[in-house]
Amino acid sequence: MQILRRVHPIQYLLVFLPIAVLADLSHWGDTVVFVTSALAIVPIAGLLGDATEALATKTGPQIGGLLNASLGNAAELIIALVAISAGKIELVKASLIGSILGNLAFVLGLSILLGGLKNGVQKFNRSRVGIDATMAILATIAISVPSIFNAAIEPDKTRVEELSLATAAVVLVLYALSILYTLRTRDAVQAEHGAGPAHPPHGGPQWRTGKALGVMVAAVAGLAIMSEFLVGSLEGVTASLGWTEFFVGIIIVPIIGNVAEHLVAVQVARKNQMDLSLSIALGSSLQIALFVAPVMVFLSLFMGHPLTLEFNNFEMIAMVAATIVAAFVSLDGESNWLEGAMLLAVYGILALAFFFLPMAL
């Protein structure tokens, strides 16, 4: 009974991993394969995050910070790599925008709403959150530039790819600088206040290094297999359910890969730890914009399916709107449930618009 109590409820979804394998081998239909593999990805992504966090606690603040920064969105990275290998470039682009949108509007909004309903007006470190919010705006501008200028150089595909590669390189440098700043700031805070993390812990696992590495390897393998099933069944699912691939990419896929992290952000907000909740939501969106997206640009070249940072107008409007609203909500140093409801309203309206959008862009 004690062992059962230690199992996070989300991990019971691991039962869908063998079901997804059986569904694929037995040809139960694309919809069954898609649903079961999606449900299996949720706990596997959570285990990968736990393993990363456990390793980070063993390696010290500098290496641990780099681990969290590089592997914090490993689930989305793996799903994107599988989709790129299948040639579904537009799906990958939509999922990148959807992850940013989901973190800035849905996760942040839900955290502020539920935290505010339980605790009233919640306060947080305005200067730290302000830096993350400013970085989110700058990241949005950076990855939007190729989309704006590509219209003028579109006939020349080589120059379009070169612009995306140059932008991706600059963005990765900016991401490295942000990690360096974060680590130095955390060290300064620890030196000023003695031992202890800059952010309060949120109950991560205390695993041995060997166990953490084993779980990480198994989780990566599981994510790769389930992602293959997910992407492989996508065409049949969109045809049977009447969904567009764009809607699945921008709304469904980001939710699947981020559920575990989303739950943590909401849980700590209800515990009145808004600094940590905002750090998770804003930090995850920054990792997508500043790390995952540019890495995908470079890796896609070696996979034979070049991905350029060229997003359609609908994706750009959604990303810019969510970033601006999230920045305004985050800059005053306090939040209330109404602000959370407004963010959720923005996300809901955009999700509905994407659902009804006939995608052949």
Protein backbone atom coordinates (compact mmCIF):
# COMPACT_ATOMS: atom_id res chain seq x y z
CA MET A 1 0.00 0.00 0.00
CA GLN A 2 2.85 2.39 0.77
CA ILE A 3 4.30 1.80 -2.69
CA LEU A 4 0.94 2.52 -4.30
CA ARG A 5 0.66 5.80 -2.43
CA ARG A 6 3.99 6.95 -3.85
CA VAL A 7 2.85 6.48 -7.44
CA HIS A 8 1.65 9.71 -9.02
CA PRO A 9 -1.87 9.20 -10.43
CA ILE A 10 -0.68 10.21 -13.90
CA GLN A 11 1.69 7.24 -13.97
CA TYR A 12 -1.24 4.82 -14.07
CA LEU A 13 -1.62 5.93 -17.68
CA LEU A 14 1.46 3.79 -18.42
CA VAL A 15 -0.99 0.92 -18.88
CA PHE A 16 -1.74 2.43 -22.30
CA LEU A 17 1.83 1.78 -23.51
CA PRO A 18 1.35 -1.97 -24.07
CA ILE A 19 -2.20 -1.30 -25.26
CA ALA A 20 -0.86 1.10 -27.90
CA VAL A 21 1.70 -1.49 -29.04
CA LEU A 22 -1.01 -4.15 -29.24
CA ALA A 23 -3.36 -1.78 -31.07
CA ASP A 24 -0.72 -1.00 -33.68
CA LEU A 25 0.32 -4.64 -34.20
CA SER A 26 -3.30 -5.83 -34.31
CA HIS A 27 -4.43 -3.01 -36.64
CA TRP A 28 -7.25 -1.81 -34.37
CA GLY A 29 -7.52 1.41 -36.32
CA ASP A 30 -5.72 4.74 -36.43
CA THR A 31 -8.01 6.41 -33.90
CA VAL A 32 -7.36 3.74 -31.24
CA VAL A 33 -3.62 3.85 -31.91
CA PHE A 34 -3.58 7.66 -31.75
CA VAL A 35 -5.54 7.87 -28.49
CA THR A 36 -3.66 5.10 -26.68
CA SER A 37 -0.21 6.32 -27.77
CA ALA A 38 -1.13 9.90 -26.78
CA LEU A 39 -2.24 8.73 -23.33
CA ALA A 40 0.98 6.72 -22.96
CA ILE A 41 3.15 9.71 -23.86
CA VAL A 42 1.74 11.72 -20.94
CA PRO A 43 3.26 9.61 -18.10
CA ILE A 44 6.42 8.82 -20.08
CA ALA A 45 7.09 12.55 -20.54
CA GLY A 46 6.50 12.98 -16.81
CA LEU A 47 9.02 10.24 -15.98
CA LEU A 48 11.59 11.82 -18.29
CA GLY A 49 11.11 15.14 -16.50
CA ASP A 50 11.48 13.43 -13.11
CA ALA A 51 14.66 11.68 -14.22
CA THR A 52 16.10 14.96 -15.51
CA GLU A 53 15.27 16.70 -12.26
CA ALA A 54 16.76 13.86 -10.19
CA LEU A 55 20.00 14.02 -12.18
CA ALA A 56 20.08 17.79 -11.84
CA THR A 57 20.04 17.52 -8.05
CA LYS A 58 23.05 15.18 -8.18
CA THR A 59 25.25 17.24 -10.48
CA GLY A 60 25.28 20.62 -8.75
CA PRO A 61 23.60 23.87 -9.72
CA GLN A 62 25.59 24.62 -12.89
CA ILE A 63 25.35 21.21 -14.58
CA GLY A 64 21.88 20.72 -13.16
CA GLY A 65 20.73 23.98 -14.64
CA LEU A 66 22.12 22.99 -18.03
CA LEU A 67 20.38 19.59 -17.82
CA ASN A 68 17.04 21.17 -17.02
CA ALA A 69 17.54 23.78 -19.73
CA SER A 70 18.43 21.25 -22.44
CA LEU A 71 16.13 18.36 -21.50
CA GLY A 72 13.18 20.27 -20.07
CA ASN A 73 11.25 19.88 -23.33
CA ALA A 74 12.73 16.57 -24.47
CA ALA A 75 9.27 15.09 -25.12
CA GLU A 76 8.40 17.79 -27.66
CA LEU A 77 11.87 17.42 -29.20
CA ILE A 78 11.42 13.68 -29.72
CA ILE A 79 7.90 14.02 -31.14
CA ALA A 80 9.14 16.75 -33.49
CA LEU A 81 12.08 14.62 -34.68
CA VAL A 82 9.76 11.72 -35.47
CA ALA A 83 7.40 14.04 -37.34
CA ILE A 84 10.27 15.58 -39.32
CA SER A 85 11.53 12.13 -40.31
CA ALA A 86 8.00 11.45 -41.62
CA GLY A 87 8.11 14.68 -43.63
CA LYS A 88 5.38 16.42 -41.60
CA ILE A 89 7.10 19.80 -41.46
CA GLU A 90 3.92 21.86 -41.11
CA LEU A 91 2.84 19.70 -38.16
CA VAL A 92 6.17 20.40 -36.44
CA LYS A 93 5.88 24.15 -37.04
CA ALA A 94 2.34 24.16 -35.67
CA SER A 95 3.40 22.17 -32.60
CA LEU A 96 6.23 24.63 -31.86
CA ILE A 97 3.83 27.57 -31.94
CA GLY A 98 1.25 25.54 -30.03
CA SER A 99 3.71 24.80 -27.22
CA ILE A 100 4.54 28.48 -26.82
CA LEU A 101 0.86 29.40 -26.99
CA GLY A 102 -0.15 26.67 -24.56
CA ASN A 103 2.40 27.65 -21.93
CA LEU A 104 1.79 31.40 -22.15
CA ALA A 105 -2.01 31.30 -22.32
CA PHE A 106 -3.39 27.95 -21.16
CA VAL A 107 -0.93 26.85 -18.44
CA LEU A 108 -0.27 30.34 -17.12
CA GLY A 109 -3.97 31.18 -17.23
CA LEU A 110 -5.05 27.98 -15.47
CA SER A 111 -2.35 28.41 -12.80
CA ILE A 112 -3.33 32.02 -12.09
CA LEU A 113 -7.04 31.18 -12.11
CA LEU A 114 -6.88 28.22 -9.70
CA GLY A 115 -4.19 29.83 -7.55
CA GLY A 116 -6.21 33.03 -7.29
CA LEU A 117 -9.46 31.24 -6.47
CA LYS A 118 -7.74 29.46 -3.56
CA ASN A 119 -5.37 32.15 -2.30
CA GLY A 120 -6.81 35.46 -3.49
CA VAL A 121 -4.35 38.01 -4.87
CA GLN A 122 -0.96 36.33 -5.27
CA LYS A 123 2.37 38.16 -5.35
CA PHE A 124 5.62 37.16 -7.02
CA ASN A 125 9.11 38.50 -7.73
CA ARG A 126 8.45 41.19 -10.31
CA SER A 127 12.08 41.60 -11.43
CA ARG A 128 12.70 37.88 -12.11
CA VAL A 129 9.38 37.29 -13.85
CA GLY A 130 9.82 40.55 -15.76
CA ILE A 131 13.06 39.26 -17.30
CA ASP A 132 11.33 36.05 -18.42
CA ALA A 133 8.41 38.04 -19.86
CA THR A 134 10.79 40.36 -21.73
CA MET A 135 12.70 37.36 -23.05
CA ALA A 136 9.43 35.84 -24.25
CA ILE A 137 8.67 39.00 -26.25
CA LEU A 138 12.19 39.10 -27.71
CA ALA A 139 12.00 35.39 -28.58
CA THR A 140 8.70 35.96 -30.36
CA ILE A 141 10.22 38.80 -32.37
CA ALA A 142 13.32 36.75 -33.21
CA ILE A 143 11.52 33.69 -34.59
CA SER A 144 8.98 35.90 -36.39
CA VAL A 145 11.56 37.83 -38.40
CA PRO A 146 12.17 35.08 -41.00
CA SER A 147 8.41 34.76 -41.60
CA ILE A 148 8.12 38.49 -42.26
CA PHE A 149 11.15 38.78 -44.56
CA ASN A 150 10.66 35.46 -46.35
CA ALA A 151 7.82 37.01 -48.35
CA ALA A 152 10.39 39.19 -50.12
CA ILE A 153 12.93 36.42 -50.76
CA GLU A 154 10.52 33.46 -51.15
CA PRO A 155 11.41 32.47 -54.73
CA ASP A 156 14.98 31.81 -53.62
CA LYS A 157 14.63 28.72 -51.37
CA THR A 158 18.34 28.68 -50.58
CA ARG A 159 18.26 32.19 -49.13
CA VAL A 160 15.12 31.34 -47.13
CA GLU A 161 16.97 28.42 -45.53
CA GLU A 162 20.06 30.56 -44.94
CA LEU A 163 18.00 33.21 -43.15
CA SER A 164 16.41 30.57 -40.92
CA LEU A 165 19.80 29.02 -40.12
CA ALA A 166 21.34 32.41 -39.28
CA THR A 167 18.36 33.32 -37.10
CA ALA A 168 18.48 29.94 -35.35
CA ALA A 169 22.18 30.42 -34.59
CA VAL A 170 21.60 33.87 -33.06
CA VAL A 171 18.65 32.57 -31.04
CA LEU A 172 20.76 29.70 -29.64
CA VAL A 173 23.42 32.20 -28.58
CA LEU A 174 20.73 34.24 -26.85
CA TYR A 175 19.50 31.08 -25.11
CA ALA A 176 23.03 30.26 -23.90
CA LEU A 177 23.37 33.80 -22.53
CA SER A 178 20.04 33.47 -20.72
CA ILE A 179 21.21 30.23 -19.08
CA LEU A 180 24.46 31.89 -18.02
CA TYR A 181 22.55 34.83 -16.55
CA THR A 182 20.13 32.53 -14.71
CA LEU A 183 22.94 30.46 -13.18
CA ARG A 184 24.87 33.54 -12.06
CA THR A 185 21.74 35.12 -10.61
CA ARG A 186 20.91 31.95 -8.70
CA ASP A 187 24.46 31.76 -7.34
CA ALA A 188 24.20 35.39 -6.21
CA VAL A 189 20.89 34.71 -4.47
CA GLN A 190 22.33 31.67 -2.69
CA ALA A 191 25.40 33.64 -1.62
CA GLU A 192 23.23 36.43 -0.25
CA HIS A 193 20.75 34.21 1.61
CA GLY A 194 22.95 31.22 2.38
CA ALA A 195 22.24 27.71 1.14
CA GLY A 196 19.02 26.91 -0.62
CA PRO A 197 17.63 27.18 -4.12
CA ALA A 198 16.45 30.37 -5.72
CA HIS A 199 13.11 28.69 -6.34
CA PRO A 200 11.34 26.52 -3.79
CA PRO A 201 11.41 22.81 -4.63
CA HIS A 202 8.23 21.15 -5.80
CA GLY A 203 8.73 17.62 -4.54
CA GLY A 204 10.87 16.09 -7.26
CA PRO A 205 12.05 12.47 -6.94
CA GLN A 206 15.15 11.65 -4.90
CA TRP A 207 16.50 8.89 -7.14
CA ARG A 208 20.00 7.46 -7.29
CA THR A 209 22.03 8.42 -10.34
CA GLY A 210 21.86 4.93 -11.82
CA LYS A 211 18.09 4.77 -11.46
CA ALA A 212 17.66 8.26 -12.93
CA LEU A 213 19.79 7.36 -15.96
CA GLY A 214 17.92 4.09 -16.44
CA VAL A 215 14.54 5.81 -16.29
CA MET A 216 15.76 8.48 -18.70
CA VAL A 217 16.93 5.92 -21.29
CA ALA A 218 13.71 3.91 -20.97
CA ALA A 219 11.59 7.07 -21.22
CA VAL A 220 13.39 8.25 -24.36
CA ALA A 221 12.89 4.84 -25.97
CA GLY A 222 9.24 4.79 -24.96
CA LEU A 223 8.68 8.30 -26.29
CA ALA A 224 10.30 7.42 -29.60
CA ILE A 225 8.06 4.36 -30.07
CA MET A 226 4.86 6.12 -28.99
CA SER A 227 5.71 9.13 -31.15
CA GLU A 228 6.10 6.83 -34.16
CA PHE A 229 2.62 5.45 -33.47
CA LEU A 230 1.18 8.91 -32.90
CA VAL A 231 2.57 10.42 -36.10
CA GLY A 232 1.86 7.29 -38.14
CA SER A 233 -1.81 7.29 -37.17
CA LEU A 234 -2.29 11.02 -37.62
CA GLU A 235 -3.48 10.96 -41.21
CA GLY A 236 -6.21 8.41 -40.49
CA VAL A 237 -7.34 10.26 -37.36
CA THR A 238 -7.69 13.61 -39.09
CA ALA A 239 -9.69 11.99 -41.86
CA SER A 240 -12.04 10.10 -39.52
CA LEU A 241 -12.59 12.86 -36.96
CA GLY A 242 -12.71 15.76 -39.41
CA TRP A 243 -9.81 17.51 -37.70
CA THR A 244 -7.10 19.30 -39.63
CA GLU A 245 -3.46 18.35 -39.18
CA PHE A 246 -2.84 21.99 -38.28
CA PHE A 247 -5.32 21.83 -35.38
CA VAL A 248 -3.77 18.61 -34.08
CA GLY A 249 -0.31 20.15 -34.29
CA ILE A 250 -1.06 23.48 -32.65
CA ILE A 251 -3.49 22.31 -29.93
CA ILE A 252 -3.46 18.53 -29.35
CA VAL A 253 0.22 17.59 -29.67
CA PRO A 254 1.54 20.32 -27.31
CA ILE A 255 -0.97 19.32 -24.63
CA ILE A 256 0.04 15.65 -24.93
CA GLY A 257 3.74 16.36 -24.48
CA ASN A 258 3.34 18.88 -21.66
CA VAL A 259 0.61 17.55 -19.37
CA ALA A 260 2.97 16.49 -16.56
CA GLU A 261 4.74 19.87 -16.47
CA HIS A 262 1.41 21.69 -16.75
CA LEU A 263 0.13 19.88 -13.67
CA VAL A 264 3.21 20.91 -11.68
CA ALA A 265 2.70 24.58 -12.59
CA VAL A 266 -0.94 24.43 -11.47
CA GLN A 267 -0.15 22.53 -8.26
CA VAL A 268 2.52 24.98 -7.07
CA ALA A 269 0.23 27.92 -7.93
CA ARG A 270 -2.43 26.46 -5.64
CA LYS A 271 0.27 26.21 -2.97
CA ASN A 272 0.80 29.97 -3.39
CA GLN A 273 4.24 29.50 -4.98
CA MET A 274 3.59 31.80 -7.92
CA ASP A 275 7.27 32.53 -8.59
CA LEU A 276 7.84 28.85 -9.35
CA SER A 277 4.58 28.49 -11.28
CA LEU A 278 5.35 31.47 -13.51
CA SER A 279 8.93 30.27 -13.94
CA ILE A 280 7.67 26.90 -15.21
CA ALA A 281 5.15 28.39 -17.65
CA LEU A 282 7.37 31.18 -19.00
CA GLY A 283 10.54 29.08 -18.88
CA SER A 284 9.00 26.24 -20.86
CA SER A 285 7.83 28.62 -23.59
CA LEU A 286 11.30 30.17 -23.72
CA GLN A 287 12.89 26.73 -24.10
CA ILE A 288 10.65 26.01 -27.08
CA ALA A 289 11.32 29.36 -28.77
CA LEU A 290 15.02 29.70 -27.97
CA PHE A 291 16.20 26.08 -27.92
CA VAL A 292 13.84 23.50 -29.44
CA ALA A 293 12.86 25.55 -32.52
CA PRO A 294 16.43 26.49 -33.59
CA VAL A 295 17.73 22.99 -32.83
CA MET A 296 15.00 21.59 -35.09
CA VAL A 297 16.18 23.90 -37.88
CA PHE A 298 19.69 22.43 -37.74
CA LEU A 299 18.72 18.79 -37.15
CA SER A 300 16.17 18.84 -39.97
CA LEU A 301 18.99 19.51 -42.48
CA PHE A 302 20.62 16.18 -41.58
CA MET A 303 17.27 14.39 -41.81
CA GLY A 304 16.63 15.44 -45.40
CA HIS A 305 13.56 17.54 -44.59
CA PRO A 306 14.73 21.14 -44.00
CA LEU A 307 12.58 23.08 -41.56
CA THR A 308 12.59 26.86 -41.91
CA LEU A 309 11.37 29.41 -39.39
CA GLU A 310 8.59 30.42 -41.73
CA PHE A 311 5.21 30.47 -39.96
CA ASN A 312 1.85 31.41 -41.45
CA ASN A 313 0.00 34.57 -40.44
CA PHE A 314 -2.40 32.73 -38.13
CA GLU A 315 0.46 31.17 -36.16
CA MET A 316 2.24 34.50 -35.84
CA ILE A 317 -0.89 36.36 -34.72
CA ALA A 318 -1.59 33.73 -32.05
CA MET A 319 1.99 33.73 -30.78
CA VAL A 320 2.28 37.52 -30.62
CA ALA A 321 -1.13 37.91 -28.94
CA ALA A 322 -0.38 35.30 -26.26
CA THR A 323 3.07 36.76 -25.58
CA ILE A 324 1.81 40.32 -25.16
CA VAL A 325 -1.10 39.34 -22.90
CA ALA A 326 1.12 37.08 -20.76
CA ALA A 327 3.74 39.84 -20.45
CA PHE A 328 1.20 42.42 -19.28
CA VAL A 329 -0.23 39.98 -16.73
CA SER A 330 3.25 39.12 -15.40
CA LEU A 331 4.83 42.57 -15.11
CA ASP A 332 2.95 44.06 -12.14
CA GLY A 333 4.20 41.61 -9.52
CA GLU A 334 0.78 40.24 -8.55
CA SER A 335 -2.00 38.16 -10.08
CA ASN A 336 -5.66 37.41 -9.46
CA TRP A 337 -8.10 34.83 -10.76
CA LEU A 338 -9.66 37.24 -13.28
CA GLU A 339 -6.33 37.62 -15.10
CA GLY A 340 -6.13 33.84 -15.33
CA ALA A 341 -9.64 33.70 -16.76
CA MET A 342 -8.68 36.29 -19.39
CA LEU A 343 -5.66 34.25 -20.49
CA LEU A 344 -7.81 31.12 -20.74
CA ALA A 345 -10.36 33.07 -22.77
CA VAL A 346 -7.65 34.11 -25.24
CA TYR A 347 -6.49 30.50 -25.55
CA GLY A 348 -10.04 29.20 -25.94
CA ILE A 349 -10.90 31.69 -28.70
CA LEU A 350 -7.70 30.86 -30.58
CA ALA A 351 -8.32 27.11 -30.19
CA LEU A 352 -11.83 27.50 -31.60
CA ALA A 353 -10.53 29.56 -34.50
CA PHE A 354 -7.91 26.92 -35.30
CA PHE A 355 -10.55 24.18 -35.07
CA PHE A 356 -12.78 25.86 -37.65
CA LEU A 357 -9.89 26.93 -39.89
CA PRO A 358 -9.83 24.88 -43.11
CA MET A 359 -6.10 24.31 -43.39
CA ALA A 360 -4.55 24.19 -46.77
CA LEU A 361 -2.05 26.94 -46.11
